[in-house]
Amino acid sequence: ATSTSSLQEQNMPKKGGNEKAINAKAAKAEKANAKQAAAAKAQEDAAWRDDDKAAGKKAERAAQAEAKRRAELQRKAENKALAAEDEKAHAIKVVQNEKKSRAQIEQQREEAARAAATARA
């Protein structure tokens, strides 16, 4: 009977006890339990962590290869755009330097005059 009464005495606060001290002890115990749980979680996470250095290096090489491939594709796209722009500029020069006969020039003037006359009407 003495063991059950001592358990009750441990769980039950003393009559007229210091309420602040009791709350402080409970908070301290809760903080200790939280700290212990965090340590246990950290230990478990460490146990499950993948420390395979070869796999890490392989993934790093794959990421570097992918970055290199994307940079190469971007460079090719830029070169293609520049080549198209250069070709377009070159094509305009060729058209401007094209030789025309007097008959062709006269025909173009007539067509432009007809287009202007239809635009006015």
Foldseek 3Di string as FASTA:
>chain_A
DVVVVVVVPVVDDDVPDDPVVVVVVVVVVVVVVVVVVVVVVVVVVVVVDDPPVVVVVVVVVVVVVVVVVVVVVVVVVVVVVVVVVVVVVVVVVVVVPDDDDPVVVVVVVVVVVVVVVVVVD
